[in-house]
């Protein structure tokens, strides 16, 4: 982490929902600005993105969770 990142406001977001509803597709579209056709739905991913919130630079920490139906039992 860079020195300036220590002073950013950080927001932690968790994306939850059932299996196959599009949590990962929505998260990747938001973070990377492109639609992913194929991905592994059984893996939990964490993403970070710098953005403007209320005219201030902030750091978003987004956790893309596994849907219940996709989770290994």
Protein backbone atom coordinates (compact mmCIF):
# COMPACT_ATOMS: atom_id res chain seq x y z
CA UNK A 1 0.00 0.00 0.00
CA UNK A 2 1.33 3.41 -0.90
CA UNK A 3 1.81 6.16 1.67
CA UNK A 4 -1.12 8.24 0.38
CA UNK A 5 -3.45 5.22 0.64
CA UNK A 6 -3.04 5.32 4.42
CA UNK A 7 -5.01 8.58 4.50
CA UNK A 8 -7.90 7.58 2.23
CA UNK A 9 -11.33 6.85 3.62
CA UNK A 10 -11.90 3.14 3.22
CA UNK A 11 -15.28 1.51 2.73
CA UNK A 12 -15.83 -2.23 3.05
CA UNK A 13 -18.63 -3.69 0.93
CA UNK A 14 -19.93 -7.26 0.87
CA UNK A 15 -21.93 -8.58 -2.09
CA UNK A 16 -24.37 -11.29 -0.95
CA UNK A 17 -27.13 -13.28 -2.63
CA UNK A 18 -28.14 -16.70 -3.85
CA UNK A 19 -26.12 -18.76 -6.26
CA UNK A 20 -26.28 -17.82 -9.93
CA UNK A 21 -27.93 -14.41 -9.48
CA UNK A 22 -25.03 -12.38 -10.93
CA UNK A 23 -23.07 -11.18 -7.88
CA UNK A 24 -19.70 -11.74 -9.54
CA UNK A 25 -20.80 -10.33 -12.90
CA UNK A 26 -22.09 -7.16 -11.22
CA UNK A 27 -18.99 -6.81 -9.03
CA UNK A 28 -16.53 -7.28 -11.91
CA UNK A 29 -18.51 -4.88 -14.10
CA UNK A 30 -18.26 -2.24 -11.35
CA UNK A 31 -14.59 -2.82 -10.46
CA UNK A 32 -13.08 -3.53 -13.89
CA UNK A 33 -15.63 -1.84 -16.21
CA UNK A 34 -16.16 -4.91 -18.38
CA UNK A 35 -18.52 -7.87 -18.46
CA UNK A 36 -16.99 -11.27 -17.75
CA UNK A 37 -18.66 -14.15 -19.56
CA UNK A 38 -16.88 -16.99 -17.73
CA UNK A 39 -15.58 -17.18 -14.17
CA UNK A 40 -15.35 -19.69 -11.32
CA UNK A 41 -18.51 -19.23 -9.23
CA UNK A 42 -17.21 -21.28 -6.30
CA UNK A 43 -14.42 -18.92 -5.29
CA UNK A 44 -14.75 -15.91 -3.01
CA UNK A 45 -12.89 -12.89 -4.37
CA UNK A 46 -11.85 -9.58 -2.87
CA UNK A 47 -11.41 -6.44 -4.98
CA UNK A 48 -10.15 -2.92 -4.31
CA UNK A 49 -11.02 0.20 -6.23
CA UNK A 50 -10.21 3.87 -5.76
CA UNK A 51 -13.13 6.18 -6.54
CA UNK A 52 -14.74 9.49 -5.68
CA UNK A 53 -17.40 9.55 -2.95
CA UNK A 54 -18.87 12.94 -2.02
CA UNK A 55 -16.03 14.64 -3.96
CA UNK A 56 -13.36 12.87 -1.87
CA UNK A 57 -11.06 10.09 -3.01
CA UNK A 58 -11.94 6.85 -1.24
CA UNK A 59 -10.86 3.23 -1.35
CA UNK A 60 -13.52 0.54 -1.74
CA UNK A 61 -12.75 -2.95 -0.48
CA UNK A 62 -15.37 -5.24 -2.06
CA UNK A 63 -15.87 -8.87 -1.03
CA UNK A 64 -17.70 -10.96 -3.64
CA UNK A 65 -19.12 -13.90 -1.68
CA UNK A 66 -20.08 -17.39 -2.83
CA UNK A 67 -23.85 -18.03 -3.14
CA UNK A 68 -25.25 -20.74 -0.85
CA UNK A 69 -25.93 -23.14 -3.72
CA UNK A 70 -22.35 -22.72 -4.99
CA UNK A 71 -20.61 -23.21 -1.65
CA UNK A 72 -18.88 -26.54 -1.03
CA UNK A 73 -20.58 -28.53 1.75
